[in-house]
N, C-alpha and C. Protein backbone atom coordinates (compact mmCIF):
# COMPACT_ATOMS: atom_id res chain seq x y z
N UNK A 1 78.84 15.80 -23.97
CA UNK A 1 79.99 15.30 -23.26
C UNK A 1 79.65 13.98 -22.54
N UNK A 2 78.53 13.92 -21.86
CA UNK A 2 78.13 12.70 -21.17
C UNK A 2 77.92 11.58 -22.17
N UNK A 3 77.32 11.89 -23.30
CA UNK A 3 77.11 10.89 -24.35
C UNK A 3 78.43 10.31 -24.83
N UNK A 4 79.44 11.17 -25.03
CA UNK A 4 80.75 10.72 -25.49
C UNK A 4 81.40 9.79 -24.47
N UNK A 5 81.31 10.11 -23.20
CA UNK A 5 81.86 9.24 -22.16
C UNK A 5 81.13 7.91 -22.13
N UNK A 6 79.82 7.95 -22.34
CA UNK A 6 79.05 6.71 -22.38
C UNK A 6 79.47 5.83 -23.54
N UNK A 7 79.78 6.41 -24.67
CA UNK A 7 80.23 5.63 -25.82
C UNK A 7 81.57 4.97 -25.56
N UNK A 8 82.45 5.67 -24.88
CA UNK A 8 83.77 5.11 -24.59
C UNK A 8 83.65 3.92 -23.63
N UNK A 9 82.89 4.08 -22.56
CA UNK A 9 82.78 2.99 -21.59
C UNK A 9 81.91 1.86 -22.11
N UNK A 10 81.00 2.14 -23.03
CA UNK A 10 80.14 1.10 -23.58
C UNK A 10 80.94 0.07 -24.35
N UNK A 11 82.02 0.50 -24.98
CA UNK A 11 82.84 -0.41 -25.78
C UNK A 11 83.83 -1.23 -24.97
N UNK A 12 83.95 -0.97 -23.68
CA UNK A 12 84.89 -1.73 -22.84
C UNK A 12 84.38 -3.15 -22.65
N UNK A 13 85.30 -4.11 -22.65
CA UNK A 13 84.93 -5.51 -22.48
C UNK A 13 85.74 -6.12 -21.36
N UNK A 14 85.20 -7.11 -20.72
CA UNK A 14 85.93 -7.82 -19.67
C UNK A 14 87.01 -8.69 -20.30
N UNK A 15 88.11 -8.82 -19.61
CA UNK A 15 89.21 -9.67 -20.07
C UNK A 15 88.98 -11.08 -19.57
N UNK A 16 89.12 -12.06 -20.45
CA UNK A 16 88.90 -13.45 -20.02
C UNK A 16 90.18 -14.28 -20.12
N UNK A 17 91.30 -13.62 -20.31
CA UNK A 17 92.57 -14.33 -20.37
C UNK A 17 93.61 -13.50 -21.09
N UNK A 18 94.71 -14.14 -21.45
CA UNK A 18 95.79 -13.47 -22.17
C UNK A 18 96.30 -14.41 -23.25
N UNK A 19 96.42 -13.92 -24.44
CA UNK A 19 96.80 -14.73 -25.61
C UNK A 19 95.87 -15.94 -25.67
N UNK A 20 96.41 -17.14 -25.65
CA UNK A 20 95.57 -18.34 -25.72
C UNK A 20 95.23 -18.90 -24.35
N UNK A 21 95.67 -18.27 -23.27
CA UNK A 21 95.37 -18.74 -21.91
C UNK A 21 94.06 -18.10 -21.46
N UNK A 22 93.09 -18.90 -21.13
CA UNK A 22 91.78 -18.40 -20.71
C UNK A 22 91.47 -18.86 -19.29
N UNK A 23 90.83 -17.99 -18.54
CA UNK A 23 90.43 -18.35 -17.17
C UNK A 23 89.49 -19.54 -17.22
N UNK A 24 89.71 -20.50 -16.32
CA UNK A 24 88.87 -21.69 -16.27
C UNK A 24 89.47 -22.89 -16.97
N UNK A 25 90.53 -22.69 -17.78
CA UNK A 25 91.13 -23.84 -18.46
C UNK A 25 91.90 -24.68 -17.43
N UNK A 26 92.10 -25.94 -17.76
CA UNK A 26 92.79 -26.85 -16.84
C UNK A 26 94.30 -26.60 -16.87
N UNK A 27 94.98 -27.13 -15.87
CA UNK A 27 96.44 -27.01 -15.83
C UNK A 27 97.05 -27.65 -17.08
N UNK A 28 96.56 -28.80 -17.47
CA UNK A 28 97.08 -29.50 -18.65
C UNK A 28 96.92 -28.63 -19.91
N UNK A 29 95.75 -28.02 -20.09
CA UNK A 29 95.51 -27.15 -21.24
C UNK A 29 96.43 -25.94 -21.20
N UNK A 30 96.58 -25.36 -20.02
CA UNK A 30 97.41 -24.16 -19.85
C UNK A 30 98.87 -24.44 -20.20
N UNK A 31 99.43 -25.51 -19.65
CA UNK A 31 100.84 -25.82 -19.88
C UNK A 31 101.10 -26.27 -21.31
N UNK A 32 100.09 -26.79 -21.99
CA UNK A 32 100.23 -27.17 -23.40
C UNK A 32 100.46 -25.94 -24.29
N UNK A 33 100.06 -24.76 -23.84
CA UNK A 33 100.26 -23.52 -24.60
C UNK A 33 101.73 -23.11 -24.64
N UNK A 34 102.53 -23.59 -23.69
CA UNK A 34 103.96 -23.30 -23.61
C UNK A 34 104.26 -21.81 -23.71
N UNK A 35 103.53 -21.02 -22.91
CA UNK A 35 103.74 -19.58 -22.88
C UNK A 35 105.03 -19.20 -22.17
N UNK A 36 105.50 -20.08 -21.29
CA UNK A 36 106.67 -19.79 -20.48
C UNK A 36 107.09 -21.08 -19.78
N UNK A 37 108.28 -21.09 -19.19
CA UNK A 37 108.74 -22.26 -18.44
C UNK A 37 108.29 -22.07 -16.98
N UNK A 38 107.10 -22.58 -16.66
CA UNK A 38 106.56 -22.44 -15.32
C UNK A 38 107.09 -23.52 -14.39
N UNK A 39 107.39 -23.13 -13.15
CA UNK A 39 107.82 -24.06 -12.13
C UNK A 39 106.87 -23.93 -10.94
N UNK A 40 106.58 -25.06 -10.31
CA UNK A 40 105.67 -25.03 -9.17
C UNK A 40 106.34 -24.30 -8.02
N UNK A 41 105.59 -23.42 -7.39
CA UNK A 41 106.10 -22.67 -6.24
C UNK A 41 105.06 -22.59 -5.15
N UNK A 42 105.50 -22.40 -3.93
CA UNK A 42 104.58 -22.30 -2.80
C UNK A 42 105.03 -21.18 -1.87
N UNK A 43 104.88 -19.92 -2.30
CA UNK A 43 105.29 -18.82 -1.42
C UNK A 43 104.32 -18.62 -0.25
N UNK A 44 103.17 -19.23 -0.32
CA UNK A 44 102.16 -19.12 0.74
C UNK A 44 101.84 -20.53 1.22
N UNK A 45 101.56 -20.70 2.49
CA UNK A 45 101.23 -22.02 3.03
C UNK A 45 99.80 -22.37 2.63
N UNK A 46 99.67 -23.29 1.67
CA UNK A 46 98.36 -23.74 1.21
C UNK A 46 97.96 -25.05 1.86
N UNK A 47 98.64 -25.46 2.93
CA UNK A 47 98.40 -26.77 3.54
C UNK A 47 96.96 -26.93 4.04
N UNK A 48 96.31 -25.84 4.40
CA UNK A 48 94.94 -25.91 4.89
C UNK A 48 93.92 -25.83 3.75
N UNK A 49 94.38 -25.55 2.57
CA UNK A 49 93.48 -25.38 1.42
C UNK A 49 93.80 -26.43 0.36
N UNK A 50 92.88 -27.30 0.12
CA UNK A 50 93.10 -28.34 -0.90
C UNK A 50 92.67 -27.80 -2.27
N UNK A 51 93.35 -28.27 -3.30
CA UNK A 51 92.98 -27.89 -4.65
C UNK A 51 93.55 -26.59 -5.14
N UNK A 52 94.53 -26.02 -4.42
CA UNK A 52 95.16 -24.77 -4.85
C UNK A 52 96.58 -25.07 -5.29
N UNK A 53 96.96 -24.59 -6.46
CA UNK A 53 98.34 -24.74 -6.91
C UNK A 53 98.81 -23.43 -7.55
N UNK A 54 100.10 -23.18 -7.42
CA UNK A 54 100.69 -21.93 -7.87
C UNK A 54 101.96 -22.23 -8.64
N UNK A 55 102.13 -21.59 -9.79
CA UNK A 55 103.32 -21.78 -10.62
C UNK A 55 103.88 -20.40 -10.97
N UNK A 56 105.20 -20.29 -11.04
CA UNK A 56 105.81 -19.03 -11.41
C UNK A 56 106.79 -19.22 -12.57
N UNK A 57 107.02 -18.14 -13.28
CA UNK A 57 107.91 -18.14 -14.43
C UNK A 57 108.74 -16.85 -14.39
N UNK A 58 110.07 -16.95 -14.41
CA UNK A 58 110.91 -15.76 -14.31
C UNK A 58 111.09 -14.99 -15.62
N UNK A 59 110.73 -15.59 -16.76
CA UNK A 59 111.05 -14.95 -18.04
C UNK A 59 109.88 -14.91 -19.02
N UNK A 60 108.72 -14.54 -18.53
CA UNK A 60 107.53 -14.42 -19.38
C UNK A 60 107.69 -13.19 -20.27
N UNK A 61 107.48 -13.34 -21.57
CA UNK A 61 107.62 -12.24 -22.51
C UNK A 61 106.32 -11.44 -22.59
N UNK A 62 106.39 -10.15 -22.20
CA UNK A 62 105.23 -9.26 -22.23
C UNK A 62 105.70 -7.88 -22.65
N UNK A 63 105.12 -7.35 -23.70
CA UNK A 63 105.47 -6.02 -24.22
C UNK A 63 106.97 -5.93 -24.53
N UNK A 64 107.48 -6.97 -25.18
CA UNK A 64 108.90 -7.04 -25.57
C UNK A 64 109.87 -6.97 -24.40
N UNK A 65 109.42 -7.37 -23.22
CA UNK A 65 110.25 -7.38 -22.02
C UNK A 65 110.01 -8.68 -21.28
N UNK A 66 111.05 -9.21 -20.67
CA UNK A 66 110.91 -10.40 -19.84
C UNK A 66 110.40 -9.99 -18.46
N UNK A 67 109.33 -10.63 -18.01
CA UNK A 67 108.68 -10.33 -16.73
C UNK A 67 108.49 -11.61 -15.94
N UNK A 68 108.33 -11.48 -14.64
CA UNK A 68 107.95 -12.63 -13.81
C UNK A 68 106.44 -12.78 -13.91
N UNK A 69 105.98 -14.01 -14.13
CA UNK A 69 104.56 -14.29 -14.24
C UNK A 69 104.18 -15.37 -13.23
N UNK A 70 102.91 -15.36 -12.83
CA UNK A 70 102.39 -16.35 -11.89
C UNK A 70 101.09 -16.90 -12.44
N UNK A 71 100.92 -18.21 -12.36
CA UNK A 71 99.65 -18.87 -12.74
C UNK A 71 99.10 -19.51 -11.47
N UNK A 72 97.86 -19.22 -11.17
CA UNK A 72 97.20 -19.66 -9.94
C UNK A 72 96.00 -20.52 -10.32
N UNK A 73 95.95 -21.75 -9.83
CA UNK A 73 94.88 -22.68 -10.17
C UNK A 73 94.06 -23.04 -8.94
N UNK A 74 92.74 -23.06 -9.10
CA UNK A 74 91.82 -23.52 -8.06
C UNK A 74 91.12 -24.75 -8.60
N UNK A 75 91.24 -25.85 -7.89
CA UNK A 75 90.61 -27.12 -8.31
C UNK A 75 90.98 -27.44 -9.75
N UNK A 76 92.27 -27.24 -10.08
CA UNK A 76 92.85 -27.55 -11.38
C UNK A 76 92.34 -26.68 -12.53
N UNK A 77 91.73 -25.52 -12.23
CA UNK A 77 91.30 -24.58 -13.27
C UNK A 77 91.98 -23.24 -13.05
N UNK A 78 92.42 -22.60 -14.14
CA UNK A 78 93.10 -21.30 -14.06
C UNK A 78 92.18 -20.28 -13.42
N UNK A 79 92.63 -19.67 -12.33
CA UNK A 79 91.83 -18.69 -11.60
C UNK A 79 92.13 -17.30 -12.13
N UNK A 80 91.12 -16.42 -12.07
CA UNK A 80 91.32 -15.07 -12.54
C UNK A 80 90.89 -14.02 -11.62
């Protein structure tokens, strides 16, 4: 039983992105993928933090359903 559980967890891999969007890519690379119509948003006061940007999309397609998605960038790289 322990061996079987070890085999299941051994095959698990870390996620490094979704579809063609990968963590660490630049904003320009990310938006070139055209995964959704992202708009810049600032629900949090980032005035004290330089290099942070946030974008949201109201109609991201995931599992055949439209969902709200958020892309968060640190120093112009997709954060994960």
